[in-house]
Amino acid sequence: MIIGGAALALLAIVILSPAEVPLIEPQIRQWPALTAGTFRLLLLPLIVLITLVTAPGGLGQQIRPIQHWLAGHRFDPHVGHVEEVEVSDVRA
């Protein structure tokens, strides 16, 4: 988490900094403009990455509190929270 946060902070500083970075600036200028089509191409991998990092139980872990609430129970955002994935079917 700390390494990811530090990398994100460094990237934000490089992008938002008014100073020109000689190694990165020419390459950034060659990137295509961010349009609706390219945004959609970036959005899906970003959602998949966030799901894999924050929820080891996958998408089911993320929607489990809503399913639990729709079943008539009190809303609890921690329902179905998994610390790490457990494998119960081991074949030797």
N, C-alpha and C. Protein backbone atom coordinates (compact mmCIF):
# COMPACT_ATOMS: atom_id res chain seq x y z
N MET A 1 0.82 -1.18 0.00
CA MET A 1 0.00 0.00 0.00
C MET A 1 0.87 1.25 0.00
N ILE A 2 1.90 1.25 0.82
CA ILE A 2 2.76 2.42 0.92
C ILE A 2 3.50 2.65 -0.39
N ILE A 3 3.98 1.58 -1.01
CA ILE A 3 4.70 1.71 -2.27
C ILE A 3 3.77 2.22 -3.36
N GLY A 4 2.55 1.70 -3.41
CA GLY A 4 1.58 2.16 -4.40
C GLY A 4 1.22 3.62 -4.20
N GLY A 5 1.03 4.04 -2.95
CA GLY A 5 0.72 5.43 -2.66
C GLY A 5 1.88 6.35 -3.03
N ALA A 6 3.10 5.90 -2.73
CA ALA A 6 4.28 6.71 -3.07
C ALA A 6 4.43 6.82 -4.59
N ALA A 7 4.19 5.74 -5.31
CA ALA A 7 4.29 5.78 -6.77
C ALA A 7 3.23 6.71 -7.36
N LEU A 8 2.01 6.65 -6.82
CA LEU A 8 0.94 7.52 -7.29
C LEU A 8 1.26 8.98 -7.00
N ALA A 9 1.80 9.26 -5.81
CA ALA A 9 2.17 10.64 -5.45
C ALA A 9 3.29 11.14 -6.37
N LEU A 10 4.27 10.30 -6.66
CA LEU A 10 5.36 10.70 -7.54
C LEU A 10 4.86 10.97 -8.96
N LEU A 11 3.96 10.14 -9.44
CA LEU A 11 3.38 10.34 -10.76
C LEU A 11 2.58 11.64 -10.81
N ALA A 12 1.82 11.92 -9.76
CA ALA A 12 1.04 13.17 -9.71
C ALA A 12 1.96 14.38 -9.69
N ILE A 13 3.05 14.29 -8.95
CA ILE A 13 4.00 15.41 -8.90
C ILE A 13 4.62 15.64 -10.27
N VAL A 14 4.98 14.58 -10.96
CA VAL A 14 5.60 14.71 -12.28
C VAL A 14 4.61 15.30 -13.28
N ILE A 15 3.36 14.85 -13.23
CA ILE A 15 2.37 15.32 -14.19
C ILE A 15 1.92 16.75 -13.88
N LEU A 16 1.70 17.07 -12.62
CA LEU A 16 1.18 18.38 -12.25
C LEU A 16 2.26 19.43 -12.05
N SER A 17 3.50 19.04 -12.04
CA SER A 17 4.60 19.98 -11.82
C SER A 17 4.75 20.93 -13.00
N PRO A 18 4.97 22.24 -12.72
CA PRO A 18 5.18 23.17 -13.83
C PRO A 18 6.55 23.02 -14.49
N ALA A 19 7.48 22.36 -13.82
CA ALA A 19 8.81 22.17 -14.38
C ALA A 19 8.76 21.07 -15.45
N GLU A 20 9.63 21.17 -16.42
CA GLU A 20 9.67 20.18 -17.49
C GLU A 20 10.68 19.09 -17.15
N VAL A 21 10.23 17.84 -17.25
CA VAL A 21 11.10 16.70 -16.99
C VAL A 21 11.60 16.20 -18.35
N PRO A 22 12.91 16.31 -18.62
CA PRO A 22 13.41 16.03 -19.96
C PRO A 22 13.16 14.61 -20.47
N LEU A 23 13.17 13.62 -19.62
CA LEU A 23 13.01 12.25 -20.09
C LEU A 23 11.55 11.87 -20.32
N ILE A 24 10.64 12.50 -19.61
CA ILE A 24 9.24 12.08 -19.65
C ILE A 24 8.39 12.97 -20.56
N GLU A 25 8.63 14.27 -20.57
CA GLU A 25 7.78 15.21 -21.31
C GLU A 25 7.64 14.88 -22.79
N PRO A 26 8.72 14.59 -23.52
CA PRO A 26 8.54 14.28 -24.96
C PRO A 26 7.69 13.03 -25.18
N GLN A 27 7.77 12.06 -24.30
CA GLN A 27 6.98 10.85 -24.45
C GLN A 27 5.51 11.10 -24.14
N ILE A 28 5.23 11.96 -23.14
CA ILE A 28 3.84 12.26 -22.80
C ILE A 28 3.17 13.02 -23.94
N ARG A 29 3.89 13.88 -24.62
CA ARG A 29 3.31 14.64 -25.74
C ARG A 29 2.89 13.73 -26.89
N GLN A 30 3.47 12.56 -27.01
CA GLN A 30 3.14 11.64 -28.10
C GLN A 30 1.89 10.81 -27.80
N TRP A 31 1.42 10.81 -26.54
CA TRP A 31 0.23 10.04 -26.18
C TRP A 31 -1.00 10.62 -26.88
N PRO A 32 -1.95 9.77 -27.23
CA PRO A 32 -3.17 10.29 -27.86
C PRO A 32 -4.01 11.07 -26.84
N ALA A 33 -4.87 11.93 -27.34
CA ALA A 33 -5.74 12.72 -26.46
C ALA A 33 -6.73 11.79 -25.76
N LEU A 34 -7.13 12.17 -24.56
CA LEU A 34 -8.08 11.36 -23.78
C LEU A 34 -9.50 11.70 -24.24
N THR A 35 -10.06 10.82 -25.05
CA THR A 35 -11.43 10.99 -25.54
C THR A 35 -12.31 9.96 -24.87
N ALA A 36 -13.59 9.95 -25.20
CA ALA A 36 -14.51 9.00 -24.60
C ALA A 36 -14.11 7.56 -24.92
N GLY A 37 -13.64 7.33 -26.14
CA GLY A 37 -13.23 5.97 -26.53
C GLY A 37 -12.00 5.49 -25.77
N THR A 38 -10.99 6.36 -25.66
CA THR A 38 -9.78 5.94 -24.95
C THR A 38 -10.03 5.88 -23.45
N PHE A 39 -10.95 6.71 -22.94
CA PHE A 39 -11.28 6.65 -21.52
C PHE A 39 -11.91 5.31 -21.17
N ARG A 40 -12.78 4.81 -22.04
CA ARG A 40 -13.39 3.50 -21.81
C ARG A 40 -12.35 2.39 -21.83
N LEU A 41 -11.34 2.52 -22.67
CA LEU A 41 -10.28 1.52 -22.72
C LEU A 41 -9.43 1.53 -21.46
N LEU A 42 -9.33 2.66 -20.80
CA LEU A 42 -8.58 2.77 -19.55
C LEU A 42 -9.41 2.40 -18.34
N LEU A 43 -10.71 2.59 -18.41
CA LEU A 43 -11.58 2.40 -17.25
C LEU A 43 -11.69 0.93 -16.84
N LEU A 44 -11.90 0.02 -17.77
CA LEU A 44 -12.06 -1.39 -17.43
C LEU A 44 -10.82 -1.99 -16.76
N PRO A 45 -9.61 -1.80 -17.29
CA PRO A 45 -8.45 -2.33 -16.59
C PRO A 45 -8.26 -1.71 -15.20
N LEU A 46 -8.63 -0.44 -15.07
CA LEU A 46 -8.52 0.22 -13.77
C LEU A 46 -9.49 -0.40 -12.77
N ILE A 47 -10.71 -0.69 -13.19
CA ILE A 47 -11.69 -1.34 -12.30
C ILE A 47 -11.23 -2.74 -11.93
N VAL A 48 -10.69 -3.48 -12.88
CA VAL A 48 -10.19 -4.83 -12.60
C VAL A 48 -9.02 -4.77 -11.61
N LEU A 49 -8.12 -3.84 -11.80
CA LEU A 49 -6.99 -3.69 -10.89
C LEU A 49 -7.44 -3.32 -9.48
N ILE A 50 -8.37 -2.40 -9.36
CA ILE A 50 -8.89 -2.03 -8.03
C ILE A 50 -9.58 -3.22 -7.38
N THR A 51 -10.33 -3.99 -8.14
CA THR A 51 -11.01 -5.16 -7.59
C THR A 51 -10.01 -6.19 -7.09
N LEU A 52 -8.96 -6.46 -7.86
CA LEU A 52 -7.97 -7.45 -7.45
C LEU A 52 -7.17 -7.01 -6.23
N VAL A 53 -6.90 -5.71 -6.12
CA VAL A 53 -6.09 -5.21 -5.01
C VAL A 53 -6.91 -5.09 -3.73
N THR A 54 -8.12 -4.54 -3.82
CA THR A 54 -8.89 -4.24 -2.62
C THR A 54 -9.78 -5.38 -2.16
N ALA A 55 -10.17 -6.27 -3.05
CA ALA A 55 -11.11 -7.33 -2.70
C ALA A 55 -10.59 -8.68 -3.16
N PRO A 56 -9.88 -9.41 -2.30
CA PRO A 56 -9.37 -10.71 -2.73
C PRO A 56 -10.47 -11.71 -3.02
N GLY A 57 -11.68 -11.46 -2.53
CA GLY A 57 -12.81 -12.33 -2.82
C GLY A 57 -13.46 -12.05 -4.15
N GLY A 58 -12.97 -11.04 -4.87
CA GLY A 58 -13.47 -10.71 -6.19
C GLY A 58 -14.69 -9.81 -6.15
N LEU A 59 -15.39 -9.78 -7.26
CA LEU A 59 -16.56 -8.92 -7.40
C LEU A 59 -17.68 -9.34 -6.45
N GLY A 60 -17.77 -10.63 -6.18
CA GLY A 60 -18.78 -11.12 -5.24
C GLY A 60 -18.62 -10.53 -3.86
N GLN A 61 -17.39 -10.34 -3.44
CA GLN A 61 -17.13 -9.73 -2.13
C GLN A 61 -17.59 -8.27 -2.12
N GLN A 62 -17.46 -7.59 -3.23
CA GLN A 62 -17.86 -6.19 -3.29
C GLN A 62 -19.37 -6.01 -3.28
N ILE A 63 -20.12 -6.91 -3.91
CA ILE A 63 -21.57 -6.74 -3.96
C ILE A 63 -22.30 -7.51 -2.86
N ARG A 64 -21.58 -8.29 -2.06
CA ARG A 64 -22.22 -9.07 -1.00
C ARG A 64 -23.00 -8.21 0.00
N PRO A 65 -22.51 -7.04 0.46
CA PRO A 65 -23.32 -6.24 1.38
C PRO A 65 -24.66 -5.81 0.78
N ILE A 66 -24.68 -5.52 -0.51
CA ILE A 66 -25.94 -5.11 -1.15
C ILE A 66 -26.89 -6.30 -1.25
N GLN A 67 -26.37 -7.49 -1.59
CA GLN A 67 -27.21 -8.69 -1.64
C GLN A 67 -27.78 -9.00 -0.26
N HIS A 68 -26.97 -8.85 0.76
CA HIS A 68 -27.40 -9.12 2.13
C HIS A 68 -28.51 -8.14 2.53
N TRP A 69 -28.36 -6.87 2.15
CA TRP A 69 -29.35 -5.85 2.47
C TRP A 69 -30.66 -6.10 1.70
N LEU A 70 -30.55 -6.48 0.41
CA LEU A 70 -31.75 -6.75 -0.38
C LEU A 70 -32.48 -8.00 0.08
N ALA A 71 -31.78 -8.88 0.80
CA ALA A 71 -32.42 -10.08 1.35
C ALA A 71 -33.22 -9.77 2.61
N GLY A 72 -33.18 -8.51 3.06
CA GLY A 72 -33.98 -8.11 4.21
C GLY A 72 -33.21 -7.91 5.49
N HIS A 73 -31.92 -8.02 5.44
CA HIS A 73 -31.09 -7.82 6.63
C HIS A 73 -30.67 -6.36 6.73
N ARG A 74 -30.16 -6.01 7.91
CA ARG A 74 -29.66 -4.66 8.11
C ARG A 74 -28.39 -4.46 7.27
N PHE A 75 -28.23 -3.26 6.69
CA PHE A 75 -27.07 -3.00 5.83
C PHE A 75 -25.80 -2.97 6.66
N ASP A 76 -24.85 -3.82 6.28
CA ASP A 76 -23.56 -3.88 6.95
C ASP A 76 -22.49 -3.95 5.86
N PRO A 77 -21.66 -2.91 5.72
CA PRO A 77 -20.66 -2.93 4.64
C PRO A 77 -19.56 -3.97 4.83
N HIS A 78 -19.51 -4.62 5.99
CA HIS A 78 -18.46 -5.60 6.25
C HIS A 78 -18.93 -7.04 6.08
N VAL A 79 -20.14 -7.24 5.60
CA VAL A 79 -20.65 -8.60 5.37
C VAL A 79 -19.88 -9.22 4.22
N GLY A 80 -19.40 -10.43 4.41
CA GLY A 80 -18.67 -11.14 3.36
C GLY A 80 -17.24 -10.68 3.18
N HIS A 81 -16.72 -9.90 4.11
CA HIS A 81 -15.34 -9.42 4.00
C HIS A 81 -14.38 -10.59 4.14
N VAL A 82 -13.44 -10.70 3.22
CA VAL A 82 -12.47 -11.78 3.20
C VAL A 82 -11.08 -11.17 3.33
N GLU A 83 -10.31 -11.62 4.31
CA GLU A 83 -8.94 -11.13 4.47
C GLU A 83 -8.03 -11.71 3.40
N GLU A 84 -8.17 -13.00 3.15
CA GLU A 84 -7.40 -13.65 2.10
C GLU A 84 -8.22 -14.80 1.55
N VAL A 85 -7.95 -15.19 0.35
CA VAL A 85 -8.71 -16.24 -0.31
C VAL A 85 -8.34 -17.59 0.27
N GLU A 86 -9.37 -18.39 0.60
CA GLU A 86 -9.14 -19.72 1.15
C GLU A 86 -9.51 -20.75 0.09
N VAL A 87 -8.64 -21.70 -0.15
CA VAL A 87 -8.92 -22.76 -1.12
C VAL A 87 -9.37 -23.97 -0.35
N SER A 88 -10.60 -24.44 -0.64
CA SER A 88 -11.14 -25.56 0.11
C SER A 88 -11.11 -26.87 -0.69
N ASP A 89 -10.89 -26.80 -1.99
CA ASP A 89 -10.87 -27.99 -2.81
C ASP A 89 -9.43 -28.22 -3.30
N VAL A 90 -8.71 -29.07 -2.56
CA VAL A 90 -7.34 -29.34 -2.92
C VAL A 90 -7.27 -30.78 -3.44
N ARG A 91 -6.73 -30.93 -4.62
CA ARG A 91 -6.61 -32.28 -5.20
C ARG A 91 -5.14 -32.60 -5.32
N ALA A 92 -4.76 -33.68 -4.72
CA ALA A 92 -3.35 -34.07 -4.74
C ALA A 92 -3.10 -35.13 -5.78
